[in-house]
C-alpha cells in the first residue's frame, strides 16, 4: 500500500520559517519525481516546487522562488520543503505528490500551514 505522509505544518508568524517533510512508503521512491502543491481556501491547488528523482533538478513557482527550497533524501524516502520568509499569502494546505516515469501519481493527505501574527 502506497502512503505519502506529510508533517511539519503549523502556525508561524510572518517572516518565520517552517520545514515540511513527506515520507513515502510502498513505492520505489528513487524513481519518483516529487512535488509540493498547496491549496488555499476558495482557490485551486497550485504547484509550489518539483524535484527530480535524483534531486539534480528543481523548479519553483515564481511566488516562492528565493524563499522555499525543495530537497530529498532517497535513503530515507523523504522529500522536504524548507520555507523561509513566510508571508500570510503562503497560508494553505500543503500536499506532496509523487510521479513515476509512466505518470502514475500518488498524493499525501496534506498539512496545514498558517502564517499569521
PDB file of N, CA and C in Angstrom:
ATOM      1  N   UNK A   1       0.846  -1.187   0.000  1.00  0.00           N
ATOM      2  CA  UNK A   1       0.000   0.000   0.000  1.00  0.00           C
ATOM      3  C   UNK A   1       0.886   1.244   0.000  1.00  0.00           C
ATOM      4  N   UNK A   2       0.632   2.121  -0.960  1.00  0.00           N
ATOM      5  CA  UNK A   2       1.421   3.336  -1.061  1.00  0.00           C
ATOM      6  C   UNK A   2       0.893   4.379  -0.089  1.00  0.00           C
ATOM      7  N   UNK A   3       1.811   4.998   0.624  1.00  0.00           N
ATOM      8  CA  UNK A   3       1.443   6.097   1.518  1.00  0.00           C
ATOM      9  C   UNK A   3       2.439   7.230   1.401  1.00  0.00           C
ATOM     10  N   UNK A   4       1.918   8.441   1.359  1.00  0.00           N
ATOM     11  CA  UNK A   4       2.728   9.659   1.471  1.00  0.00           C
ATOM     12  C   UNK A   4       2.192  10.408   2.682  1.00  0.00           C
ATOM     13  N   UNK A   5       3.066  10.655   3.649  1.00  0.00           N
ATOM     14  CA  UNK A   5       2.627  11.264   4.897  1.00  0.00           C
ATOM     15  C   UNK A   5       3.396  12.556   5.129  1.00  0.00           C
ATOM     16  N   UNK A   6       2.660  13.671   5.082  1.00  0.00           N
ATOM     17  CA  UNK A   6       3.271  14.979   5.318  1.00  0.00           C
ATOM     18  C   UNK A   6       3.284  15.308   6.800  1.00  0.00           C
ATOM     19  N   UNK A   7       4.257  16.106   7.190  1.00  0.00           N
ATOM     20  CA  UNK A   7       4.335  16.596   8.562  1.00  0.00           C
ATOM     21  C   UNK A   7       5.093  17.915   8.565  1.00  0.00           C
ATOM     22  N   UNK A   8       5.022  18.626   9.687  1.00  0.00           N
ATOM     23  CA  UNK A   8       5.798  19.840   9.845  1.00  0.00           C
ATOM     24  C   UNK A   8       5.012  21.131   9.714  1.00  0.00           C
ATOM     25  N   UNK A   9       3.732  21.031   9.364  1.00  0.00           N
ATOM     26  CA  UNK A   9       2.928  22.239   9.269  1.00  0.00           C
ATOM     27  C   UNK A   9       2.640  22.839  10.632  1.00  0.00           C
ATOM     28  N   UNK A  10       2.043  24.024  10.621  1.00  0.00           N
ATOM     29  CA  UNK A  10       1.697  24.673  11.867  1.00  0.00           C
ATOM     30  C   UNK A  10       1.431  26.147  11.682  1.00  0.00           C
ATOM     31  N   UNK A  11       1.405  26.851  12.803  1.00  0.00           N
ATOM     32  CA  UNK A  11       1.172  28.296  12.823  1.00  0.00           C
ATOM     33  C   UNK A  11       2.507  29.004  13.005  1.00  0.00           C
ATOM     34  N   UNK A  12       2.776  29.980  12.155  1.00  0.00           N
ATOM     35  CA  UNK A  12       4.038  30.718  12.232  1.00  0.00           C
ATOM     36  C   UNK A  12       3.764  32.181  11.929  1.00  0.00           C
ATOM     37  N   UNK A  13       4.565  33.056  12.504  1.00  0.00           N
ATOM     38  CA  UNK A  13       4.411  34.487  12.255  1.00  0.00           C
ATOM     39  C   UNK A  13       5.013  34.868  10.908  1.00  0.00           C
ATOM     40  N   UNK A  14       4.524  35.946  10.319  1.00  0.00           N
ATOM     41  CA  UNK A  14       5.144  36.432   9.075  1.00  0.00           C
ATOM     42  C   UNK A  14       6.644  36.622   9.265  1.00  0.00           C
ATOM     43  N   UNK A  15       7.397  36.206   8.247  1.00  0.00           N
ATOM     44  CA  UNK A  15       8.847  36.255   8.321  1.00  0.00           C
ATOM     45  C   UNK A  15       9.476  35.011   8.914  1.00  0.00           C
ATOM     46  N   UNK A  16       8.658  34.120   9.432  1.00  0.00           N
ATOM     47  CA  UNK A  16       9.159  32.917  10.073  1.00  0.00           C
ATOM     48  C   UNK A  16       9.490  31.811   9.092  1.00  0.00           C
ATOM     49  N   UNK A  17       9.892  30.670   9.662  1.00  0.00           N
ATOM     50  CA  UNK A  17      10.288  29.528   8.844  1.00  0.00           C
ATOM     51  C   UNK A  17       9.553  28.268   9.288  1.00  0.00           C
ATOM     52  N   UNK A  18       9.382  27.357   8.351  1.00  0.00           N
ATOM     53  CA  UNK A  18       8.875  26.017   8.610  1.00  0.00           C
ATOM     54  C   UNK A  18       9.570  25.061   7.662  1.00  0.00           C
ATOM     55  N   UNK A  19       9.682  23.814   8.091  1.00  0.00           N
ATOM     56  CA  UNK A  19      10.205  22.765   7.233  1.00  0.00           C
ATOM     57  C   UNK A  19       9.186  21.642   7.175  1.00  0.00           C
ATOM     58  N   UNK A  20       8.662  21.404   5.983  1.00  0.00           N
ATOM     59  CA  UNK A  20       7.728  20.318   5.775  1.00  0.00           C
ATOM     60  C   UNK A  20       8.487  19.068   5.348  1.00  0.00           C
ATOM     61  N   UNK A  21       7.964  17.923   5.771  1.00  0.00           N
ATOM     62  CA  UNK A  21       8.516  16.630   5.362  1.00  0.00           C
ATOM     63  C   UNK A  21       7.398  15.791   4.777  1.00  0.00           C
ATOM     64  N   UNK A  22       7.761  14.927   3.863  1.00  0.00           N
ATOM     65  CA  UNK A  22       6.819  13.967   3.283  1.00  0.00           C
ATOM     66  C   UNK A  22       7.552  12.641   3.153  1.00  0.00           C
ATOM     67  N   UNK A  23       7.131  11.692   3.954  1.00  0.00           N
ATOM     68  CA  UNK A  23       7.760  10.371   3.930  1.00  0.00           C
ATOM     69  C   UNK A  23       6.899   9.406   3.127  1.00  0.00           C
ATOM     70  N   UNK A  24       7.529   8.731   2.189  1.00  0.00           N
ATOM     71  CA  UNK A  24       6.835   7.803   1.303  1.00  0.00           C
ATOM     72  C   UNK A  24       7.119   6.361   1.701  1.00  0.00           C
ATOM     73  N   UNK A  25       6.139   5.515   1.478  1.00  0.00           N
ATOM     74  CA  UNK A  25       6.314   4.084   1.686  1.00  0.00           C
ATOM     75  C   UNK A  25       5.496   3.334   0.652  1.00  0.00           C
ATOM     76  N   UNK A  26       5.926   2.104   0.351  1.00  0.00           N
ATOM     77  CA  UNK A  26       5.188   1.266  -0.583  1.00  0.00           C
ATOM     78  C   UNK A  26       5.425   1.555  -2.048  1.00  0.00           C
ATOM     79  N   UNK A  27       6.428   2.361  -2.349  1.00  0.00           N
ATOM     80  CA  UNK A  27       6.762   2.640  -3.742  1.00  0.00           C
ATOM     81  C   UNK A  27       8.279   2.788  -3.880  1.00  0.00           C
ATOM     82  N   UNK A  28       8.789   2.582  -5.114  1.00  0.00           N
ATOM     83  CA  UNK A  28      10.240   2.761  -5.341  1.00  0.00           C
ATOM     84  C   UNK A  28      10.573   4.245  -5.403  1.00  0.00           C
ATOM     85  N   UNK A  29      10.801   4.841  -4.243  1.00  0.00           N
ATOM     86  CA  UNK A  29      10.899   6.289  -4.110  1.00  0.00           C
ATOM     87  C   UNK A  29      11.929   6.882  -5.067  1.00  0.00           C
ATOM     88  N   UNK A  30      13.023   6.170  -5.298  1.00  0.00           N
ATOM     89  CA  UNK A  30      14.112   6.780  -6.063  1.00  0.00           C
ATOM     90  C   UNK A  30      13.848   6.883  -7.555  1.00  0.00           C
ATOM     91  N   UNK A  31      12.679   6.413  -8.029  1.00  0.00           N
ATOM     92  CA  UNK A  31      12.340   6.656  -9.429  1.00  0.00           C
ATOM     93  C   UNK A  31      11.247   7.705  -9.579  1.00  0.00           C
ATOM     94  N   UNK A  32      10.736   8.191  -8.448  1.00  0.00           N
ATOM     95  CA  UNK A  32       9.625   9.135  -8.475  1.00  0.00           C
ATOM     96  C   UNK A  32      10.117  10.569  -8.382  1.00  0.00           C
ATOM     97  N   UNK A  33       9.660  11.420  -9.320  1.00  0.00           N
ATOM     98  CA  UNK A  33       9.789  12.858  -9.108  1.00  0.00           C
ATOM     99  C   UNK A  33       8.790  13.241  -8.021  1.00  0.00           C
ATOM    100  N   UNK A  34       9.182  14.200  -7.201  1.00  0.00           N
ATOM    101  CA  UNK A  34       8.332  14.598  -6.086  1.00  0.00           C
ATOM    102  C   UNK A  34       8.012  16.087  -6.176  1.00  0.00           C
ATOM    103  N   UNK A  35       6.797  16.426  -5.800  1.00  0.00           N
ATOM    104  CA  UNK A  35       6.354  17.825  -5.872  1.00  0.00           C
ATOM    105  C   UNK A  35       5.629  18.208  -4.595  1.00  0.00           C
ATOM    106  N   UNK A  36       5.646  19.489  -4.330  1.00  0.00           N
ATOM    107  CA  UNK A  36       4.794  20.082  -3.301  1.00  0.00           C
ATOM    108  C   UNK A  36       3.778  20.980  -3.989  1.00  0.00           C
ATOM    109  N   UNK A  37       2.537  20.834  -3.585  1.00  0.00           N
ATOM    110  CA  UNK A  37       1.442  21.676  -4.017  1.00  0.00           C
ATOM    111  C   UNK A  37       0.842  22.345  -2.787  1.00  0.00           C
ATOM    112  N   UNK A  38       0.052  23.371  -3.030  1.00  0.00           N
ATOM    113  CA  UNK A  38      -0.696  23.977  -1.931  1.00  0.00           C
ATOM    114  C   UNK A  38      -2.064  24.432  -2.422  1.00  0.00           C
ATOM    115  N   UNK A  39      -2.983  24.487  -1.477  1.00  0.00           N
ATOM    116  CA  UNK A  39      -4.337  24.921  -1.800  1.00  0.00           C
ATOM    117  C   UNK A  39      -4.866  25.791  -0.668  1.00  0.00           C
ATOM    118  N   UNK A  40      -5.139  27.038  -1.012  1.00  0.00           N
ATOM    119  CA  UNK A  40      -5.722  27.968  -0.053  1.00  0.00           C
ATOM    120  C   UNK A  40      -7.240  27.918  -0.187  1.00  0.00           C
ATOM    121  N   UNK A  41      -7.965  28.308   0.857  1.00  0.00           N
ATOM    122  CA  UNK A  41      -9.432  28.265   0.793  1.00  0.00           C
ATOM    123  C   UNK A  41      -9.979  29.057  -0.388  1.00  0.00           C
ATOM    124  N   UNK A  42     -10.872  28.408  -1.153  1.00  0.00           N
ATOM    125  CA  UNK A  42     -11.505  29.077  -2.275  1.00  0.00           C
ATOM    126  C   UNK A  42     -10.663  29.162  -3.537  1.00  0.00           C
ATOM    127  N   UNK A  43      -9.451  28.621  -3.477  1.00  0.00           N
ATOM    128  CA  UNK A  43      -8.564  28.684  -4.631  1.00  0.00           C
ATOM    129  C   UNK A  43      -8.227  27.284  -5.127  1.00  0.00           C
ATOM    130  N   UNK A  44      -7.725  27.236  -6.368  1.00  0.00           N
ATOM    131  CA  UNK A  44      -7.312  25.955  -6.934  1.00  0.00           C
ATOM    132  C   UNK A  44      -5.970  25.520  -6.351  1.00  0.00           C
ATOM    133  N   UNK A  45      -5.741  24.234  -6.365  1.00  0.00           N
ATOM    134  CA  UNK A  45      -4.448  23.706  -5.927  1.00  0.00           C
ATOM    135  C   UNK A  45      -3.384  24.171  -6.909  1.00  0.00           C
ATOM    136  N   UNK A  46      -2.252  24.642  -6.384  1.00  0.00           N
ATOM    137  CA  UNK A  46      -1.198  25.143  -7.244  1.00  0.00           C
ATOM    138  C   UNK A  46       0.123  24.440  -6.938  1.00  0.00           C
ATOM    139  N   UNK A  47       0.924  24.303  -7.996  1.00  0.00           N
ATOM    140  CA  UNK A  47       2.237  23.685  -7.865  1.00  0.00           C
ATOM    141  C   UNK A  47       3.200  24.675  -7.228  1.00  0.00           C
ATOM    142  N   UNK A  48       3.911  24.212  -6.204  1.00  0.00           N
ATOM    143  CA  UNK A  48       4.873  25.056  -5.499  1.00  0.00           C
ATOM    144  C   UNK A  48       6.303  24.747  -5.943  1.00  0.00           C
ATOM    145  N   UNK A  49       6.658  23.466  -5.957  1.00  0.00           N
ATOM    146  CA  UNK A  49       8.025  23.091  -6.298  1.00  0.00           C
ATOM    147  C   UNK A  49       8.063  21.624  -6.700  1.00  0.00           C
ATOM    148  N   UNK A  50       9.037  21.288  -7.542  1.00  0.00           N
ATOM    149  CA  UNK A  50       9.241  19.919  -8.001  1.00  0.00           C
ATOM    150  C   UNK A  50      10.721  19.597  -7.950  1.00  0.00           C
ATOM    151  N   UNK A  51      11.024  18.339  -7.630  1.00  0.00           N
ATOM    152  CA  UNK A  51      12.400  17.861  -7.630  1.00  0.00           C
ATOM    153  C   UNK A  51      12.448  16.538  -8.396  1.00  0.00           C
ATOM    154  N   UNK A  52      13.475  16.384  -9.208  1.00  0.00           N
ATOM    155  CA  UNK A  52      13.614  15.156  -9.994  1.00  0.00           C
ATOM    156  C   UNK A  52      13.933  13.974  -9.094  1.00  0.00           C
ATOM    157  N   UNK A  53      13.888  12.780  -9.664  1.00  0.00           N
ATOM    158  CA  UNK A  53      14.083  11.579  -8.845  1.00  0.00           C
ATOM    159  C   UNK A  53      15.464  11.513  -8.211  1.00  0.00           C
ATOM    160  N   UNK A  54      16.458  12.079  -8.875  1.00  0.00           N
ATOM    161  CA  UNK A  54      17.815  12.069  -8.319  1.00  0.00           C
ATOM    162  C   UNK A  54      18.102  13.286  -7.459  1.00  0.00           C
ATOM    163  N   UNK A  55      17.225  14.278  -7.522  1.00  0.00           N
ATOM    164  CA  UNK A  55      17.480  15.525  -6.815  1.00  0.00           C
ATOM    165  C   UNK A  55      18.311  16.513  -7.601  1.00  0.00           C
ATOM    166  N   UNK A  56      18.668  16.149  -8.823  1.00  0.00           N
ATOM    167  CA  UNK A  56      19.548  17.003  -9.603  1.00  0.00           C
ATOM    168  C   UNK A  56      18.872  18.176 -10.273  1.00  0.00           C
ATOM    169  N   UNK A  57      17.549  18.180 -10.291  1.00  0.00           N
ATOM    170  CA  UNK A  57      16.811  19.249 -10.951  1.00  0.00           C
ATOM    171  C   UNK A  57      15.641  19.683 -10.070  1.00  0.00           C
ATOM    172  N   UNK A  58      15.486  20.989  -9.932  1.00  0.00           N
ATOM    173  CA  UNK A  58      14.381  21.534  -9.152  1.00  0.00           C
ATOM    174  C   UNK A  58      13.731  22.688  -9.908  1.00  0.00           C
ATOM    175  N   UNK A  59      12.448  22.873  -9.702  1.00  0.00           N
ATOM    176  CA  UNK A  59      11.735  24.015 -10.257  1.00  0.00           C
ATOM    177  C   UNK A  59      10.813  24.579  -9.185  1.00  0.00           C
ATOM    178  N   UNK A  60      10.518  25.878  -9.310  1.00  0.00           N
ATOM    179  CA  UNK A  60       9.716  26.566  -8.306  1.00  0.00           C
ATOM    180  C   UNK A  60       8.701  27.493  -8.961  1.00  0.00           C
ATOM    181  N   UNK A  61       7.588  27.673  -8.273  1.00  0.00           N
ATOM    182  CA  UNK A  61       6.656  28.723  -8.663  1.00  0.00           C
ATOM    183  C   UNK A  61       7.317  30.077  -8.419  1.00  0.00           C
ATOM    184  N   UNK A  62       6.974  31.047  -9.247  1.00  0.00           N
ATOM    185  CA  UNK A  62       7.571  32.380  -9.105  1.00  0.00           C
ATOM    186  C   UNK A  62       7.306  32.966  -7.721  1.00  0.00           C
ATOM    187  N   UNK A  63       6.169  32.637  -7.163  1.00  0.00           N
ATOM    188  CA  UNK A  63       5.762  33.226  -5.883  1.00  0.00           C
ATOM    189  C   UNK A  63       6.625  32.764  -4.707  1.00  0.00           C
ATOM    190  N   UNK A  64       7.377  31.675  -4.883  1.00  0.00           N
ATOM    191  CA  UNK A  64       8.175  31.151  -3.766  1.00  0.00           C
ATOM    192  C   UNK A  64       9.674  31.129  -4.069  1.00  0.00           C
ATOM    193  N   UNK A  65      10.065  31.488  -5.272  1.00  0.00           N
ATOM    194  CA  UNK A  65      11.486  31.470  -5.634  1.00  0.00           C
ATOM    195  C   UNK A  65      12.298  32.352  -4.691  1.00  0.00           C
ATOM    196  N   UNK A  66      13.417  31.804  -4.250  1.00  0.00           N
ATOM    197  CA  UNK A  66      14.284  32.550  -3.340  1.00  0.00           C
ATOM    198  C   UNK A  66      13.887  32.428  -1.885  1.00  0.00           C
ATOM    199  N   UNK A  67      12.705  31.881  -1.602  1.00  0.00           N
ATOM    200  CA  UNK A  67      12.242  31.714  -0.218  1.00  0.00           C
ATOM    201  C   UNK A  67      12.104  30.243   0.171  1.00  0.00           C
ATOM    202  N   UNK A  68      11.686  29.413  -0.764  1.00  0.00           N
ATOM    203  CA  UNK A  68      11.452  27.990  -0.494  1.00  0.00           C
ATOM    204  C   UNK A  68      12.531  27.146  -1.172  1.00  0.00           C
ATOM    205  N   UNK A  69      12.866  26.031  -0.543  1.00  0.00           N
ATOM    206  CA  UNK A  69      13.824  25.088  -1.115  1.00  0.00           C
ATOM    207  C   UNK A  69      13.280  23.675  -0.973  1.00  0.00           C
ATOM    208  N   UNK A  70      13.203  22.968  -2.097  1.00  0.00           N
ATOM    209  CA  UNK A  70      12.792  21.564  -2.082  1.00  0.00           C
ATOM    210  C   UNK A  70      14.047  20.696  -2.124  1.00  0.00           C
ATOM    211  N   UNK A  71      14.023  19.620  -1.359  1.00  0.00           N
ATOM    212  CA  UNK A  71      15.151  18.687  -1.340  1.00  0.00           C
ATOM    213  C   UNK A  71      14.616  17.293  -1.031  1.00  0.00           C
ATOM    214  N   UNK A  72      15.477  16.302  -1.181  1.00  0.00           N
ATOM    215  CA  UNK A  72      15.042  14.930  -0.912  1.00  0.00           C
ATOM    216  C   UNK A  72      16.202  14.112  -0.386  1.00  0.00           C
ATOM    217  N   UNK A  73      15.859  13.071   0.353  1.00  0.00           N
ATOM    218  CA  UNK A  73      16.821  12.098   0.850  1.00  0.00           C
ATOM    219  C   UNK A  73      16.295  10.732   0.437  1.00  0.00           C
ATOM    220  N   UNK A  74      16.850  10.181  -0.619  1.00  0.00           N
ATOM    221  CA  UNK A  74      16.338   8.900  -1.129  1.00  0.00           C
ATOM    222  C   UNK A  74      16.604   7.744  -0.168  1.00  0.00           C
ATOM    223  N   UNK A  75      17.593   7.886   0.683  1.00  0.00           N
ATOM    224  CA  UNK A  75      17.860   6.834   1.675  1.00  0.00           C
ATOM    225  C   UNK A  75      16.767   6.783   2.738  1.00  0.00           C
ATOM    226  N   UNK A  76      16.092   7.924   2.931  1.00  0.00           N
ATOM    227  CA  UNK A  76      15.020   8.000   3.924  1.00  0.00           C
ATOM    228  C   UNK A  76      13.633   8.056   3.291  1.00  0.00           C
ATOM    229  N   UNK A  77      13.568   7.953   1.959  1.00  0.00           N
ATOM    230  CA  UNK A  77      12.279   8.025   1.244  1.00  0.00           C
ATOM    231  C   UNK A  77      11.496   9.274   1.629  1.00  0.00           C
ATOM    232  N   UNK A  78      12.191  10.383   1.729  1.00  0.00           N
ATOM    233  CA  UNK A  78      11.579  11.605   2.233  1.00  0.00           C
ATOM    234  C   UNK A  78      11.925  12.804   1.351  1.00  0.00           C
ATOM    235  N   UNK A  79      10.928  13.644   1.128  1.00  0.00           N
ATOM    236  CA  UNK A  79      11.120  14.911   0.442  1.00  0.00           C
ATOM    237  C   UNK A  79      10.784  16.028   1.432  1.00  0.00           C
ATOM    238  N   UNK A  80      11.516  17.133   1.302  1.00  0.00           N
ATOM    239  CA  UNK A  80      11.369  18.243   2.231  1.00  0.00           C
ATOM    240  C   UNK A  80      11.012  19.526   1.492  1.00  0.00           C
ATOM    241  N   UNK A  81      10.408  20.446   2.211  1.00  0.00           N
ATOM    242  CA  UNK A  81      10.195  21.792   1.706  1.00  0.00           C
ATOM    243  C   UNK A  81      10.576  22.767   2.823  1.00  0.00           C
ATOM    244  N   UNK A  82      11.714  23.411   2.649  1.00  0.00           N
ATOM    245  CA  UNK A  82      12.158  24.437   3.587  1.00  0.00           C
ATOM    246  C   UNK A  82      11.526  25.746   3.166  1.00  0.00           C
ATOM    247  N   UNK A  83      10.786  26.356   4.087  1.00  0.00           N
ATOM    248  CA  UNK A  83      10.057  27.587   3.776  1.00  0.00           C
ATOM    249  C   UNK A  83      10.567  28.701   4.673  1.00  0.00           C
ATOM    250  N   UNK A  84      11.176  29.697   4.061  1.00  0.00           N
ATOM    251  CA  UNK A  84      11.700  30.848   4.787  1.00  0.00           C
ATOM    252  C   UNK A  84      10.929  32.106   4.408  1.00  0.00           C
ATOM    253  N   UNK A  85      11.078  33.126   5.222  1.00  0.00           N
ATOM    254  CA  UNK A  85      10.441  34.425   4.954  1.00  0.00           C
ATOM    255  C   UNK A  85       8.961  34.253   4.616  1.00  0.00           C
ATOM    256  N   UNK A  86       8.272  33.508   5.441  1.00  0.00           N
ATOM    257  CA  UNK A  86       6.872  33.184   5.148  1.00  0.00           C
ATOM    258  C   UNK A  86       5.992  34.425   5.188  1.00  0.00           C
ATOM    259  N   UNK A  87       4.994  34.415   4.312  1.00  0.00           N
ATOM    260  CA  UNK A  87       4.050  35.518   4.184  1.00  0.00           C
ATOM    261  C   UNK A  87       2.640  35.015   4.460  1.00  0.00           C
ATOM    262  N   UNK A  88       1.735  35.896   4.838  1.00  0.00           N
ATOM    263  CA  UNK A  88       0.344  35.451   5.060  1.00  0.00           C
ATOM    264  C   UNK A  88      -0.246  34.756   3.831  1.00  0.00           C
ATOM    265  N   UNK A  89       0.158  35.166   2.654  1.00  0.00           N
ATOM    266  CA  UNK A  89      -0.372  34.541   1.432  1.00  0.00           C
ATOM    267  C   UNK A  89       0.164  33.147   1.191  1.00  0.00           C
ATOM    268  N   UNK A  90       1.104  32.695   2.005  1.00  0.00           N
ATOM    269  CA  UNK A  90       1.564  31.308   1.935  1.00  0.00           C
ATOM    270  C   UNK A  90       0.645  30.374   2.715  1.00  0.00           C
ATOM    271  N   UNK A  91      -0.312  30.922   3.423  1.00  0.00           N
ATOM    272  CA  UNK A  91      -1.253  30.097   4.189  1.00  0.00           C
ATOM    273  C   UNK A  91      -2.042  29.191   3.256  1.00  0.00           C
ATOM    274  N   UNK A  92      -1.997  27.897   3.539  1.00  0.00           N
ATOM    275  CA  UNK A  92      -2.653  26.904   2.688  1.00  0.00           C
ATOM    276  C   UNK A  92      -2.462  25.526   3.297  1.00  0.00           C
ATOM    277  N   UNK A  93      -3.161  24.562   2.731  1.00  0.00           N
ATOM    278  CA  UNK A  93      -2.841  23.155   2.993  1.00  0.00           C
ATOM    279  C   UNK A  93      -1.801  22.738   1.957  1.00  0.00           C
ATOM    280  N   UNK A  94      -0.718  22.171   2.429  1.00  0.00           N
ATOM    281  CA  UNK A  94       0.379  21.760   1.570  1.00  0.00           C
ATOM    282  C   UNK A  94       0.344  20.244   1.381  1.00  0.00           C
ATOM    283  N   UNK A  95       0.436  19.837   0.118  1.00  0.00           N
ATOM    284  CA  UNK A  95       0.376  18.423  -0.248  1.00  0.00           C
ATOM    285  C   UNK A  95       1.654  18.005  -0.967  1.00  0.00           C
ATOM    286  N   UNK A  96       2.095  16.797  -0.734  1.00  0.00           N
ATOM    287  CA  UNK A  96       3.166  16.264  -1.571  1.00  0.00           C
ATOM    288  C   UNK A  96       2.574  15.270  -2.573  1.00  0.00           C
ATOM    289  N   UNK A  97       3.234  15.180  -3.701  1.00  0.00           N
ATOM    290  CA  UNK A  97       2.813  14.285  -4.778  1.00  0.00           C
ATOM    291  C   UNK A  97       4.012  13.580  -5.354  1.00  0.00           C
ATOM    292  N   UNK A  98       3.850  12.284  -5.603  1.00  0.00           N
ATOM    293  CA  UNK A  98       4.889  11.517  -6.270  1.00  0.00           C
ATOM    294  C   UNK A  98       4.425  11.148  -7.676  1.00  0.00           C
ATOM    295  N   UNK A  99       5.328  11.280  -8.646  1.00  0.00           N
ATOM    296  CA  UNK A  99       5.012  10.972 -10.040  1.00  0.00           C
ATOM    297  C   UNK A  99       6.072  10.034 -10.595  1.00  0.00           C
ATOM    298  N   UNK A 100       5.634   8.876 -11.109  1.00  0.00           N
ATOM    299  CA  UNK A 100       6.576   7.919 -11.682  1.00  0.00           C
ATOM    300  C   UNK A 100       6.869   8.284 -13.144  1.00  0.00           C
ATOM    301  N   UNK A 101       7.873   7.643 -13.742  1.00  0.00           N
ATOM    302  CA  UNK A 101       8.175   7.899 -15.167  1.00  0.00           C
ATOM    303  C   UNK A 101       7.007   7.573 -16.105  1.00  0.00           C
ATOM    304  N   UNK A 102       6.097   6.693 -15.670  1.00  0.00           N
ATOM    305  CA  UNK A 102       4.932   6.382 -16.501  1.00  0.00           C
ATOM    306  C   UNK A 102       3.707   7.157 -16.013  1.00  0.00           C
ATOM    307  N   UNK A 103       3.968   8.243 -15.256  1.00  0.00           N
ATOM    308  CA  UNK A 103       2.934   9.200 -14.831  1.00  0.00           C
ATOM    309  C   UNK A 103       1.936   8.626 -13.836  1.00  0.00           C
ATOM    310  N   UNK A 104       2.310   7.576 -13.140  1.00  0.00           N
ATOM    311  CA  UNK A 104       1.494   7.122 -12.019  1.00  0.00           C
ATOM    312  C   UNK A 104       1.724   8.094 -10.874  1.00  0.00           C
ATOM    313  N   UNK A 105       0.646   8.561 -10.256  1.00  0.00           N
ATOM    314  CA  UNK A 105       0.783   9.594  -9.232  1.00  0.00           C
ATOM    315  C   UNK A 105       0.121   9.182  -7.929  1.00  0.00           C
ATOM    316  N   UNK A 106       0.708   9.685  -6.855  1.00  0.00           N
ATOM    317  CA  UNK A 106       0.168   9.469  -5.516  1.00  0.00           C
ATOM    318  C   UNK A 106       0.234  10.793  -4.763  1.00  0.00           C
ATOM    319  N   UNK A 107      -0.763  11.000  -3.896  1.00  0.00           N
ATOM    320  CA  UNK A 107      -0.856  12.223  -3.102  1.00  0.00           C
ATOM    321  C   UNK A 107      -0.850  11.900  -1.613  1.00  0.00           C
ATOM    322  N   UNK A 108      -0.292  12.822  -0.847  1.00  0.00           N
ATOM    323  CA  UNK A 108      -0.419  12.765   0.592  1.00  0.00           C
ATOM    324  C   UNK A 108      -1.726  13.396   1.036  1.00  0.00           C
ATOM    325  N   UNK A 109      -1.955  13.376   2.350  1.00  0.00           N
ATOM    326  CA  UNK A 109      -3.233  13.864   2.885  1.00  0.00           C
ATOM    327  C   UNK A 109      -3.213  15.354   3.179  1.00  0.00           C
ATOM    328  N   UNK A 110      -2.024  15.958   3.167  1.00  0.00           N
ATOM    329  CA  UNK A 110      -1.917  17.398   3.367  1.00  0.00           C
ATOM    330  C   UNK A 110      -1.565  17.783   4.786  1.00  0.00           C
ATOM    331  N   UNK A 111      -0.911  18.933   4.921  1.00  0.00           N
ATOM    332  CA  UNK A 111      -0.592  19.502   6.227  1.00  0.00           C
ATOM    333  C   UNK A 111      -0.859  21.006   6.164  1.00  0.00           C
ATOM    334  N   UNK A 112      -1.487  21.519   7.203  1.00  0.00           N
ATOM    335  CA  UNK A 112      -1.895  22.926   7.214  1.00  0.00           C
ATOM    336  C   UNK A 112      -0.726  23.820   7.614  1.00  0.00           C
ATOM    337  N   UNK A 113      -0.542  24.880   6.824  1.00  0.00           N
ATOM    338  CA  UNK A 113       0.423  25.928   7.159  1.00  0.00           C
ATOM    339  C   UNK A 113      -0.353  27.237   7.281  1.00  0.00           C
ATOM    340  N   UNK A 114      -0.235  27.881   8.419  1.00  0.00           N
ATOM    341  CA  UNK A 114      -0.907  29.153   8.654  1.00  0.00           C
ATOM    342  C   UNK A 114       0.127  30.192   9.044  1.00  0.00           C
ATOM    343  N   UNK A 115       0.167  31.283   8.281  1.00  0.00           N
ATOM    344  CA  UNK A 115       1.103  32.373   8.548  1.00  0.00           C
ATOM    345  C   UNK A 115       0.285  33.577   9.015  1.00  0.00           C
ATOM    346  N   UNK A 116       0.432  33.898  10.282  1.00  0.00           N
ATOM    347  CA  UNK A 116      -0.384  34.959  10.858  1.00  0.00           C
ATOM    348  C   UNK A 116       0.269  35.502  12.115  1.00  0.00           C
ATOM    349  N   UNK A 117       0.071  36.786  12.360  1.00  0.00           N
ATOM    350  CA  UNK A 117       0.576  37.385  13.581  1.00  0.00           C
ATOM    351  C   UNK A 117      -0.500  37.361  14.662  1.00  0.00           C
TER     352      UNK A 117
END
